[in-house]
Amino acid sequence: MIQRGGTLATWKCLVAPEDAQREAVACERLADHRLAYLDYEGPISGDRGDVTRVDQGVCTVEAWDEDRVDVVFRGMRLVGRFRMTKAQDDDQSWSLIRLGG
């Protein structure tokens, strides 16, 4: 989740996001969430799974357009510059990769 205005832009990483330090990690773009989800862990209504916080910290958005998001993460597990890129043929399919320190 990345706070953008009054909502959280949200992706689900299909493997541990720290693997993005070595190679691109597949992600699925989800609907934006309310800011209350920053502090939430637990079940999702309608038996749709669970929310698990993987990391927490600060992120700074460097660039954001409909196909790419560049951020600097300063978390407990993810640290550095990362890029999220949308697949050309699918609005929900994205990848996450570390760009550097």
PDB file of N, CA and C in Angstrom:
ATOM      1  N   MET A   1       0.843  -1.175   0.000  1.00  0.00           N
ATOM      2  CA  MET A   1       0.000   0.000   0.000  1.00  0.00           C
ATOM      3  C   MET A   1       0.886   1.235   0.000  1.00  0.00           C
ATOM      4  N   ILE A   2       0.535   2.163  -0.845  1.00  0.00           N
ATOM      5  CA  ILE A   2       1.248   3.434  -0.908  1.00  0.00           C
ATOM      6  C   ILE A   2       0.211   4.539  -0.774  1.00  0.00           C
ATOM      7  N   GLN A   3       0.395   5.384   0.233  1.00  0.00           N
ATOM      8  CA  GLN A   3      -0.559   6.464   0.440  1.00  0.00           C
ATOM      9  C   GLN A   3      -0.445   7.467  -0.702  1.00  0.00           C
ATOM     10  N   ARG A   4      -1.599   7.763  -1.282  1.00  0.00           N
ATOM     11  CA  ARG A   4      -1.672   8.733  -2.367  1.00  0.00           C
ATOM     12  C   ARG A   4      -2.926   9.560  -2.142  1.00  0.00           C
ATOM     13  N   GLY A   5      -2.721  10.785  -1.686  1.00  0.00           N
ATOM     14  CA  GLY A   5      -3.870  11.603  -1.328  1.00  0.00           C
ATOM     15  C   GLY A   5      -4.579  10.995  -0.135  1.00  0.00           C
ATOM     16  N   GLY A   6      -5.905  10.870  -0.226  1.00  0.00           N
ATOM     17  CA  GLY A   6      -6.690  10.337   0.876  1.00  0.00           C
ATOM     18  C   GLY A   6      -6.961   8.850   0.788  1.00  0.00           C
ATOM     19  N   THR A   7      -6.241   8.137  -0.094  1.00  0.00           N
ATOM     20  CA  THR A   7      -6.445   6.693  -0.227  1.00  0.00           C
ATOM     21  C   THR A   7      -5.093   5.972  -0.254  1.00  0.00           C
ATOM     22  N   LEU A   8      -5.176   4.653  -0.257  1.00  0.00           N
ATOM     23  CA  LEU A   8      -3.996   3.806  -0.357  1.00  0.00           C
ATOM     24  C   LEU A   8      -4.035   3.054  -1.675  1.00  0.00           C
ATOM     25  N   ALA A   9      -3.105   3.353  -2.570  1.00  0.00           N
ATOM     26  CA  ALA A   9      -2.948   2.546  -3.779  1.00  0.00           C
ATOM     27  C   ALA A   9      -2.407   1.201  -3.308  1.00  0.00           C
ATOM     28  N   THR A  10      -2.999   0.115  -3.779  1.00  0.00           N
ATOM     29  CA  THR A  10      -2.720  -1.191  -3.193  1.00  0.00           C
ATOM     30  C   THR A  10      -2.354  -2.221  -4.249  1.00  0.00           C
ATOM     31  N   TRP A  11      -1.303  -3.002  -3.954  1.00  0.00           N
ATOM     32  CA  TRP A  11      -0.884  -4.125  -4.777  1.00  0.00           C
ATOM     33  C   TRP A  11      -0.712  -5.336  -3.869  1.00  0.00           C
ATOM     34  N   LYS A  12      -0.914  -6.506  -4.421  1.00  0.00           N
ATOM     35  CA  LYS A  12      -0.646  -7.760  -3.724  1.00  0.00           C
ATOM     36  C   LYS A  12       0.545  -8.395  -4.424  1.00  0.00           C
ATOM     37  N   CYS A  13       1.646  -8.584  -3.685  1.00  0.00           N
ATOM     38  CA  CYS A  13       2.825  -9.244  -4.250  1.00  0.00           C
ATOM     39  C   CYS A  13       2.601 -10.746  -4.209  1.00  0.00           C
ATOM     40  N   LEU A  14       2.899 -11.409  -5.316  1.00  0.00           N
ATOM     41  CA  LEU A  14       2.649 -12.841  -5.407  1.00  0.00           C
ATOM     42  C   LEU A  14       3.737 -13.676  -4.741  1.00  0.00           C
ATOM     43  N   VAL A  15       4.883 -13.071  -4.464  1.00  0.00           N
ATOM     44  CA  VAL A  15       5.939 -13.667  -3.638  1.00  0.00           C
ATOM     45  C   VAL A  15       6.448 -12.563  -2.718  1.00  0.00           C
ATOM     46  N   ALA A  16       7.305 -12.908  -1.798  1.00  0.00           N
ATOM     47  CA  ALA A  16       7.803 -11.925  -0.834  1.00  0.00           C
ATOM     48  C   ALA A  16       8.434 -10.734  -1.543  1.00  0.00           C
ATOM     49  N   PRO A  17       8.015  -9.518  -1.215  1.00  0.00           N
ATOM     50  CA  PRO A  17       8.535  -8.345  -1.919  1.00  0.00           C
ATOM     51  C   PRO A  17      10.037  -8.147  -1.765  1.00  0.00           C
ATOM     52  N   GLU A  18      10.641  -8.675  -0.707  1.00  0.00           N
ATOM     53  CA  GLU A  18      12.090  -8.516  -0.589  1.00  0.00           C
ATOM     54  C   GLU A  18      12.840  -9.273  -1.686  1.00  0.00           C
ATOM     55  N   ASP A  19      12.183 -10.221  -2.352  1.00  0.00           N
ATOM     56  CA  ASP A  19      12.802 -10.891  -3.496  1.00  0.00           C
ATOM     57  C   ASP A  19      13.014  -9.922  -4.658  1.00  0.00           C
ATOM     58  N   ALA A  20      12.303  -8.792  -4.652  1.00  0.00           N
ATOM     59  CA  ALA A  20      12.466  -7.774  -5.695  1.00  0.00           C
ATOM     60  C   ALA A  20      13.857  -7.150  -5.637  1.00  0.00           C
ATOM     61  N   GLN A  21      14.611  -7.447  -4.604  1.00  0.00           N
ATOM     62  CA  GLN A  21      15.978  -6.931  -4.499  1.00  0.00           C
ATOM     63  C   GLN A  21      16.870  -7.635  -5.517  1.00  0.00           C
ATOM     64  N   ARG A  22      16.478  -8.839  -5.975  1.00  0.00           N
ATOM     65  CA  ARG A  22      17.307  -9.614  -6.891  1.00  0.00           C
ATOM     66  C   ARG A  22      16.706  -9.721  -8.294  1.00  0.00           C
ATOM     67  N   GLU A  23      15.390  -9.807  -8.365  1.00  0.00           N
ATOM     68  CA  GLU A  23      14.710  -9.951  -9.653  1.00  0.00           C
ATOM     69  C   GLU A  23      13.295  -9.392  -9.541  1.00  0.00           C
ATOM     70  N   ALA A  24      12.660  -9.180 -10.680  1.00  0.00           N
ATOM     71  CA  ALA A  24      11.303  -8.626 -10.685  1.00  0.00           C
ATOM     72  C   ALA A  24      10.330  -9.578  -9.990  1.00  0.00           C
ATOM     73  N   VAL A  25       9.439  -9.013  -9.196  1.00  0.00           N
ATOM     74  CA  VAL A  25       8.411  -9.760  -8.476  1.00  0.00           C
ATOM     75  C   VAL A  25       7.056  -9.397  -9.082  1.00  0.00           C
ATOM     76  N   ALA A  26       6.244 -10.405  -9.393  1.00  0.00           N
ATOM     77  CA  ALA A  26       4.911 -10.171  -9.942  1.00  0.00           C
ATOM     78  C   ALA A  26       3.987  -9.639  -8.855  1.00  0.00           C
ATOM     79  N   CYS A  27       3.180  -8.647  -9.227  1.00  0.00           N
ATOM     80  CA  CYS A  27       2.220  -8.040  -8.300  1.00  0.00           C
ATOM     81  C   CYS A  27       0.877  -7.901  -9.000  1.00  0.00           C
ATOM     82  N   GLU A  28      -0.163  -7.870  -8.202  1.00  0.00           N
ATOM     83  CA  GLU A  28      -1.520  -7.682  -8.721  1.00  0.00           C
ATOM     84  C   GLU A  28      -2.071  -6.381  -8.153  1.00  0.00           C
ATOM     85  N   ARG A  29      -2.509  -5.492  -9.034  1.00  0.00           N
ATOM     86  CA  ARG A  29      -3.088  -4.208  -8.599  1.00  0.00           C
ATOM     87  C   ARG A  29      -4.483  -4.473  -8.059  1.00  0.00           C
ATOM     88  N   LEU A  30      -4.731  -4.006  -6.858  1.00  0.00           N
ATOM     89  CA  LEU A  30      -6.029  -4.137  -6.216  1.00  0.00           C
ATOM     90  C   LEU A  30      -6.707  -2.776  -6.181  1.00  0.00           C
ATOM     91  N   ALA A  31      -7.948  -2.750  -5.779  1.00  0.00           N
ATOM     92  CA  ALA A  31      -8.664  -1.488  -5.619  1.00  0.00           C
ATOM     93  C   ALA A  31      -8.002  -0.656  -4.522  1.00  0.00           C
ATOM     94  N   ASP A  32      -8.111   0.658  -4.644  1.00  0.00           N
ATOM     95  CA  ASP A  32      -7.606   1.533  -3.593  1.00  0.00           C
ATOM     96  C   ASP A  32      -8.340   1.239  -2.288  1.00  0.00           C
ATOM     97  N   HIS A  33      -7.636   1.455  -1.177  1.00  0.00           N
ATOM     98  CA  HIS A  33      -8.189   1.193   0.147  1.00  0.00           C
ATOM     99  C   HIS A  33      -8.242   2.481   0.970  1.00  0.00           C
ATOM    100  N   ARG A  34      -9.058   2.435   2.011  1.00  0.00           N
ATOM    101  CA  ARG A  34      -9.138   3.551   2.960  1.00  0.00           C
ATOM    102  C   ARG A  34      -7.852   3.605   3.785  1.00  0.00           C
ATOM    103  N   LEU A  35      -7.521   4.799   4.279  1.00  0.00           N
ATOM    104  CA  LEU A  35      -6.320   4.981   5.098  1.00  0.00           C
ATOM    105  C   LEU A  35      -6.332   4.125   6.361  1.00  0.00           C
ATOM    106  N   ALA A  36      -7.519   3.745   6.829  1.00  0.00           N
ATOM    107  CA  ALA A  36      -7.628   2.911   8.031  1.00  0.00           C
ATOM    108  C   ALA A  36      -6.885   1.587   7.862  1.00  0.00           C
ATOM    109  N   TYR A  37      -6.692   1.130   6.631  1.00  0.00           N
ATOM    110  CA  TYR A  37      -6.009  -0.143   6.395  1.00  0.00           C
ATOM    111  C   TYR A  37      -4.512  -0.081   6.666  1.00  0.00           C
ATOM    112  N   LEU A  38      -3.955   1.101   6.868  1.00  0.00           N
ATOM    113  CA  LEU A  38      -2.536   1.187   7.214  1.00  0.00           C
ATOM    114  C   LEU A  38      -2.227   0.449   8.507  1.00  0.00           C
ATOM    115  N   ASP A  39      -3.173   0.418   9.419  1.00  0.00           N
ATOM    116  CA  ASP A  39      -2.957  -0.211  10.719  1.00  0.00           C
ATOM    117  C   ASP A  39      -3.723  -1.515  10.886  1.00  0.00           C
ATOM    118  N   TYR A  40      -4.288  -2.058   9.803  1.00  0.00           N
ATOM    119  CA  TYR A  40      -5.141  -3.231   9.930  1.00  0.00           C
ATOM    120  C   TYR A  40      -4.414  -4.500   9.504  1.00  0.00           C
ATOM    121  N   GLU A  41      -4.573  -5.542  10.295  1.00  0.00           N
ATOM    122  CA  GLU A  41      -4.189  -6.899   9.923  1.00  0.00           C
ATOM    123  C   GLU A  41      -5.318  -7.803  10.373  1.00  0.00           C
ATOM    124  N   GLY A  42      -5.694  -8.751   9.504  1.00  0.00           N
ATOM    125  CA  GLY A  42      -6.758  -9.664   9.876  1.00  0.00           C
ATOM    126  C   GLY A  42      -7.587 -10.066   8.681  1.00  0.00           C
ATOM    127  N   PRO A  43      -8.750 -10.670   8.949  1.00  0.00           N
ATOM    128  CA  PRO A  43      -9.582 -11.197   7.866  1.00  0.00           C
ATOM    129  C   PRO A  43     -10.242 -10.094   7.041  1.00  0.00           C
ATOM    130  N   ILE A  44     -10.466 -10.423   5.779  1.00  0.00           N
ATOM    131  CA  ILE A  44     -11.187  -9.544   4.870  1.00  0.00           C
ATOM    132  C   ILE A  44     -12.620 -10.055   4.811  1.00  0.00           C
ATOM    133  N   SER A  45     -13.579  -9.148   4.830  1.00  0.00           N
ATOM    134  CA  SER A  45     -14.984  -9.556   4.820  1.00  0.00           C
ATOM    135  C   SER A  45     -15.296 -10.414   3.602  1.00  0.00           C
ATOM    136  N   GLY A  46     -16.306 -11.254   3.729  1.00  0.00           N
ATOM    137  CA  GLY A  46     -16.742 -12.111   2.629  1.00  0.00           C
ATOM    138  C   GLY A  46     -15.805 -13.277   2.355  1.00  0.00           C
ATOM    139  N   ASP A  47     -15.023 -13.674   3.364  1.00  0.00           N
ATOM    140  CA  ASP A  47     -14.086 -14.801   3.213  1.00  0.00           C
ATOM    141  C   ASP A  47     -13.153 -14.621   2.015  1.00  0.00           C
ATOM    142  N   ARG A  48     -12.629 -13.395   1.827  1.00  0.00           N
ATOM    143  CA  ARG A  48     -11.740 -13.111   0.700  1.00  0.00           C
ATOM    144  C   ARG A  48     -10.270 -13.175   1.076  1.00  0.00           C
ATOM    145  N   GLY A  49      -9.951 -13.722   2.239  1.00  0.00           N
ATOM    146  CA  GLY A  49      -8.554 -13.852   2.639  1.00  0.00           C
ATOM    147  C   GLY A  49      -8.233 -13.021   3.862  1.00  0.00           C
ATOM    148  N   ASP A  50      -6.953 -12.752   4.030  1.00  0.00           N
ATOM    149  CA  ASP A  50      -6.461 -12.009   5.179  1.00  0.00           C
ATOM    150  C   ASP A  50      -5.500 -10.918   4.736  1.00  0.00           C
ATOM    151  N   VAL A  51      -5.426  -9.874   5.516  1.00  0.00           N
ATOM    152  CA  VAL A  51      -4.458  -8.806   5.316  1.00  0.00           C
ATOM    153  C   VAL A  51      -3.294  -9.068   6.254  1.00  0.00           C
ATOM    154  N   THR A  52      -2.082  -9.108   5.701  1.00  0.00           N
ATOM    155  CA  THR A  52      -0.879  -9.286   6.497  1.00  0.00           C
ATOM    156  C   THR A  52       0.096  -8.178   6.148  1.00  0.00           C
ATOM    157  N   ARG A  53       0.546  -7.457   7.133  1.00  0.00           N
ATOM    158  CA  ARG A  53       1.534  -6.408   6.903  1.00  0.00           C
ATOM    159  C   ARG A  53       2.893  -7.061   6.712  1.00  0.00           C
ATOM    160  N   VAL A  54       3.518  -6.783   5.596  1.00  0.00           N
ATOM    161  CA  VAL A  54       4.834  -7.327   5.289  1.00  0.00           C
ATOM    162  C   VAL A  54       5.920  -6.390   5.792  1.00  0.00           C
ATOM    163  N   ASP A  55       5.652  -5.108   5.743  1.00  0.00           N
ATOM    164  CA  ASP A  55       6.649  -4.114   6.127  1.00  0.00           C
ATOM    165  C   ASP A  55       5.921  -2.842   6.537  1.00  0.00           C
ATOM    166  N   GLN A  56       6.619  -1.985   7.199  1.00  0.00           N
ATOM    167  CA  GLN A  56       6.085  -0.660   7.480  1.00  0.00           C
ATOM    168  C   GLN A  56       7.246   0.303   7.521  1.00  0.00           C
ATOM    169  N   GLY A  57       6.962   1.526   7.206  1.00  0.00           N
ATOM    170  CA  GLY A  57       8.001   2.544   7.185  1.00  0.00           C
ATOM    171  C   GLY A  57       7.507   3.737   6.402  1.00  0.00           C
ATOM    172  N   VAL A  58       8.425   4.383   5.727  1.00  0.00           N
ATOM    173  CA  VAL A  58       8.131   5.583   4.954  1.00  0.00           C
ATOM    174  C   VAL A  58       8.471   5.312   3.505  1.00  0.00           C
ATOM    175  N   CYS A  59       7.622   5.817   2.613  1.00  0.00           N
ATOM    176  CA  CYS A  59       7.980   5.758   1.204  1.00  0.00           C
ATOM    177  C   CYS A  59       7.807   7.145   0.604  1.00  0.00           C
ATOM    178  N   THR A  60       8.687   7.452  -0.321  1.00  0.00           N
ATOM    179  CA  THR A  60       8.649   8.716  -1.031  1.00  0.00           C
ATOM    180  C   THR A  60       8.419   8.416  -2.498  1.00  0.00           C
ATOM    181  N   VAL A  61       7.365   8.969  -3.065  1.00  0.00           N
ATOM    182  CA  VAL A  61       7.065   8.758  -4.480  1.00  0.00           C
ATOM    183  C   VAL A  61       7.927   9.710  -5.300  1.00  0.00           C
ATOM    184  N   GLU A  62       8.703   9.142  -6.229  1.00  0.00           N
ATOM    185  CA  GLU A  62       9.540   9.957  -7.111  1.00  0.00           C
ATOM    186  C   GLU A  62       8.854  10.232  -8.445  1.00  0.00           C
ATOM    187  N   ALA A  63       8.075   9.271  -8.933  1.00  0.00           N
ATOM    188  CA  ALA A  63       7.361   9.427 -10.209  1.00  0.00           C
ATOM    189  C   ALA A  63       6.130   8.539 -10.167  1.00  0.00           C
ATOM    190  N   TRP A  64       5.043   9.006 -10.792  1.00  0.00           N
ATOM    191  CA  TRP A  64       3.807   8.222 -10.800  1.00  0.00           C
ATOM    192  C   TRP A  64       3.044   8.549 -12.060  1.00  0.00           C
ATOM    193  N   ASP A  65       2.845   7.546 -12.897  1.00  0.00           N
ATOM    194  CA  ASP A  65       1.928   7.685 -14.019  1.00  0.00           C
ATOM    195  C   ASP A  65       1.155   6.387 -14.147  1.00  0.00           C
ATOM    196  N   GLU A  66       0.317   6.267 -15.145  1.00  0.00           N
ATOM    197  CA  GLU A  66      -0.573   5.098 -15.212  1.00  0.00           C
ATOM    198  C   GLU A  66       0.156   3.783 -15.455  1.00  0.00           C
ATOM    199  N   ASP A  67       1.392   3.828 -15.928  1.00  0.00           N
ATOM    200  CA  ASP A  67       2.137   2.605 -16.244  1.00  0.00           C
ATOM    201  C   ASP A  67       3.331   2.345 -15.338  1.00  0.00           C
ATOM    202  N   ARG A  68       3.690   3.315 -14.490  1.00  0.00           N
ATOM    203  CA  ARG A  68       4.919   3.175 -13.713  1.00  0.00           C
ATOM    204  C   ARG A  68       4.836   3.995 -12.432  1.00  0.00           C
ATOM    205  N   VAL A  69       5.370   3.409 -11.356  1.00  0.00           N
ATOM    206  CA  VAL A  69       5.486   4.106 -10.080  1.00  0.00           C
ATOM    207  C   VAL A  69       6.909   3.887  -9.576  1.00  0.00           C
ATOM    208  N   ASP A  70       7.634   4.988  -9.341  1.00  0.00           N
ATOM    209  CA  ASP A  70       8.977   4.924  -8.761  1.00  0.00           C
ATOM    210  C   ASP A  70       8.898   5.441  -7.336  1.00  0.00           C
ATOM    211  N   VAL A  71       9.381   4.639  -6.386  1.00  0.00           N
ATOM    212  CA  VAL A  71       9.327   5.022  -4.973  1.00  0.00           C
ATOM    213  C   VAL A  71      10.644   4.691  -4.288  1.00  0.00           C
ATOM    214  N   VAL A  72      10.888   5.379  -3.189  1.00  0.00           N
ATOM    215  CA  VAL A  72      11.986   5.045  -2.289  1.00  0.00           C
ATOM    216  C   VAL A  72      11.337   4.524  -1.011  1.00  0.00           C
ATOM    217  N   PHE A  73      11.639   3.264  -0.678  1.00  0.00           N
ATOM    218  CA  PHE A  73      11.132   2.662   0.546  1.00  0.00           C
ATOM    219  C   PHE A  73      12.190   2.763   1.639  1.00  0.00           C
ATOM    220  N   ARG A  74      11.760   3.160   2.816  1.00  0.00           N
ATOM    221  CA  ARG A  74      12.603   3.141   4.007  1.00  0.00           C
ATOM    222  C   ARG A  74      11.838   2.377   5.075  1.00  0.00           C
ATOM    223  N   GLY A  75      11.823   1.070   4.913  1.00  0.00           N
ATOM    224  CA  GLY A  75      11.078   0.220   5.832  1.00  0.00           C
ATOM    225  C   GLY A  75      12.009  -0.647   6.646  1.00  0.00           C
ATOM    226  N   MET A  76      11.424  -1.620   7.318  1.00  0.00           N
ATOM    227  CA  MET A  76      12.198  -2.571   8.106  1.00  0.00           C
ATOM    228  C   MET A  76      12.805  -3.649   7.197  1.00  0.00           C
ATOM    229  N   ARG A  77      12.106  -3.992   6.115  1.00  0.00           N
ATOM    230  CA  ARG A  77      12.563  -5.043   5.194  1.00  0.00           C
ATOM    231  C   ARG A  77      12.941  -4.498   3.819  1.00  0.00           C
ATOM    232  N   LEU A  78      12.165  -3.559   3.314  1.00  0.00           N
ATOM    233  CA  LEU A  78      12.440  -2.973   2.006  1.00  0.00           C
ATOM    234  C   LEU A  78      13.099  -1.617   2.188  1.00  0.00           C
ATOM    235  N   VAL A  79      14.289  -1.492   1.632  1.00  0.00           N
ATOM    236  CA  VAL A  79      15.030  -0.239   1.702  1.00  0.00           C
ATOM    237  C   VAL A  79      15.644   0.007   0.342  1.00  0.00           C
ATOM    238  N   GLY A  80      15.413   1.180  -0.206  1.00  0.00           N
ATOM    239  CA  GLY A  80      16.023   1.542  -1.479  1.00  0.00           C
ATOM    240  C   GLY A  80      15.003   2.070  -2.472  1.00  0.00           C
ATOM    241  N   ARG A  81      15.474   2.283  -3.700  1.00  0.00           N
ATOM    242  CA  ARG A  81      14.626   2.770  -4.788  1.00  0.00           C
ATOM    243  C   ARG A  81      14.026   1.571  -5.521  1.00  0.00           C
ATOM    244  N   PHE A  82      12.720   1.629  -5.767  1.00  0.00           N
ATOM    245  CA  PHE A  82      12.012   0.546  -6.439  1.00  0.00           C
ATOM    246  C   PHE A  82      11.147   1.116  -7.555  1.00  0.00           C
ATOM    247  N   ARG A  83      10.891   0.289  -8.538  1.00  0.00           N
ATOM    248  CA  ARG A  83       9.985   0.657  -9.631  1.00  0.00           C
ATOM    249  C   ARG A  83       8.910  -0.409  -9.754  1.00  0.00           C
ATOM    250  N   MET A  84       7.674   0.041  -9.869  1.00  0.00           N
ATOM    251  CA  MET A  84       6.549  -0.831 -10.179  1.00  0.00           C
ATOM    252  C   MET A  84       6.121  -0.493 -11.599  1.00  0.00           C
ATOM    253  N   THR A  85       6.007  -1.519 -12.435  1.00  0.00           N
ATOM    254  CA  THR A  85       5.676  -1.318 -13.840  1.00  0.00           C
ATOM    255  C   THR A  85       4.464  -2.168 -14.202  1.00  0.00           C
ATOM    256  N   LYS A  86       3.495  -1.541 -14.870  1.00  0.00           N
ATOM    257  CA  LYS A  86       2.285  -2.240 -15.292  1.00  0.00           C
ATOM    258  C   LYS A  86       2.558  -3.027 -16.578  1.00  0.00           C
ATOM    259  N   ALA A  87       2.018  -4.241 -16.648  1.00  0.00           N
ATOM    260  CA  ALA A  87       2.115  -5.039 -17.877  1.00  0.00           C
ATOM    261  C   ALA A  87       1.320  -4.353 -18.980  1.00  0.00           C
ATOM    262  N   GLN A  88       1.789  -4.446 -20.196  1.00  0.00           N
ATOM    263  CA  GLN A  88       1.138  -3.755 -21.308  1.00  0.00           C
ATOM    264  C   GLN A  88      -0.249  -4.298 -21.631  1.00  0.00           C
ATOM    265  N   ASP A  89      -0.470  -5.578 -21.386  1.00  0.00           N
ATOM    266  CA  ASP A  89      -1.727  -6.200 -21.809  1.00  0.00           C
ATOM    267  C   ASP A  89      -2.732  -6.430 -20.687  1.00  0.00           C
ATOM    268  N   ASP A  90      -2.415  -5.966 -19.461  1.00  0.00           N
ATOM    269  CA  ASP A  90      -3.290  -6.263 -18.331  1.00  0.00           C
ATOM    270  C   ASP A  90      -3.133  -5.185 -17.257  1.00  0.00           C
ATOM    271  N   ASP A  91      -4.186  -4.420 -16.991  1.00  0.00           N
ATOM    272  CA  ASP A  91      -4.116  -3.329 -16.022  1.00  0.00           C
ATOM    273  C   ASP A  91      -3.845  -3.793 -14.598  1.00  0.00           C
ATOM    274  N   GLN A  92      -4.155  -5.046 -14.259  1.00  0.00           N
ATOM    275  CA  GLN A  92      -3.965  -5.528 -12.905  1.00  0.00           C
ATOM    276  C   GLN A  92      -2.595  -6.166 -12.692  1.00  0.00           C
ATOM    277  N   SER A  93      -1.877  -6.524 -13.753  1.00  0.00           N
ATOM    278  CA  SER A  93      -0.575  -7.192 -13.622  1.00  0.00           C
ATOM    279  C   SER A  93       0.550  -6.164 -13.625  1.00  0.00           C
ATOM    280  N   TRP A  94       1.335  -6.189 -12.557  1.00  0.00           N
ATOM    281  CA  TRP A  94       2.454  -5.277 -12.392  1.00  0.00           C
ATOM    282  C   TRP A  94       3.683  -6.081 -11.975  1.00  0.00           C
ATOM    283  N   SER A  95       4.838  -5.448 -12.022  1.00  0.00           N
ATOM    284  CA  SER A  95       6.053  -6.058 -11.476  1.00  0.00           C
ATOM    285  C   SER A  95       6.766  -5.026 -10.600  1.00  0.00           C
ATOM    286  N   LEU A  96       7.492  -5.508  -9.613  1.00  0.00           N
ATOM    287  CA  LEU A  96       8.231  -4.677  -8.682  1.00  0.00           C
ATOM    288  C   LEU A  96       9.692  -5.090  -8.746  1.00  0.00           C
ATOM    289  N   ILE A  97      10.595  -4.111  -8.882  1.00  0.00           N
ATOM    290  CA  ILE A  97      12.032  -4.417  -8.903  1.00  0.00           C
ATOM    291  C   ILE A  97      12.800  -3.305  -8.213  1.00  0.00           C
ATOM    292  N   ARG A  98      13.888  -3.685  -7.578  1.00  0.00           N
ATOM    293  CA  ARG A  98      14.750  -2.702  -6.903  1.00  0.00           C
ATOM    294  C   ARG A  98      15.660  -2.052  -7.927  1.00  0.00           C
ATOM    295  N   LEU A  99      15.748  -0.726  -7.874  1.00  0.00           N
ATOM    296  CA  LEU A  99      16.603   0.020  -8.782  1.00  0.00           C
ATOM    297  C   LEU A  99      17.965   0.334  -8.169  1.00  0.00           C
ATOM    298  N   GLY A 100      18.025   0.399  -6.887  1.00  0.00           N
ATOM    299  CA  GLY A 100      19.300   0.715  -6.236  1.00  0.00           C
ATOM    300  C   GLY A 100      19.067   1.280  -4.848  1.00  0.00           C
ATOM    301  N   GLY A 101      20.152   1.819  -4.277  1.00  0.00           N
ATOM    302  CA  GLY A 101      20.116   2.326  -2.910  1.00  0.00           C
ATOM    303  C   GLY A 101      19.500   3.616  -2.776  1.00  0.00           C
TER     304      GLY A 101
END
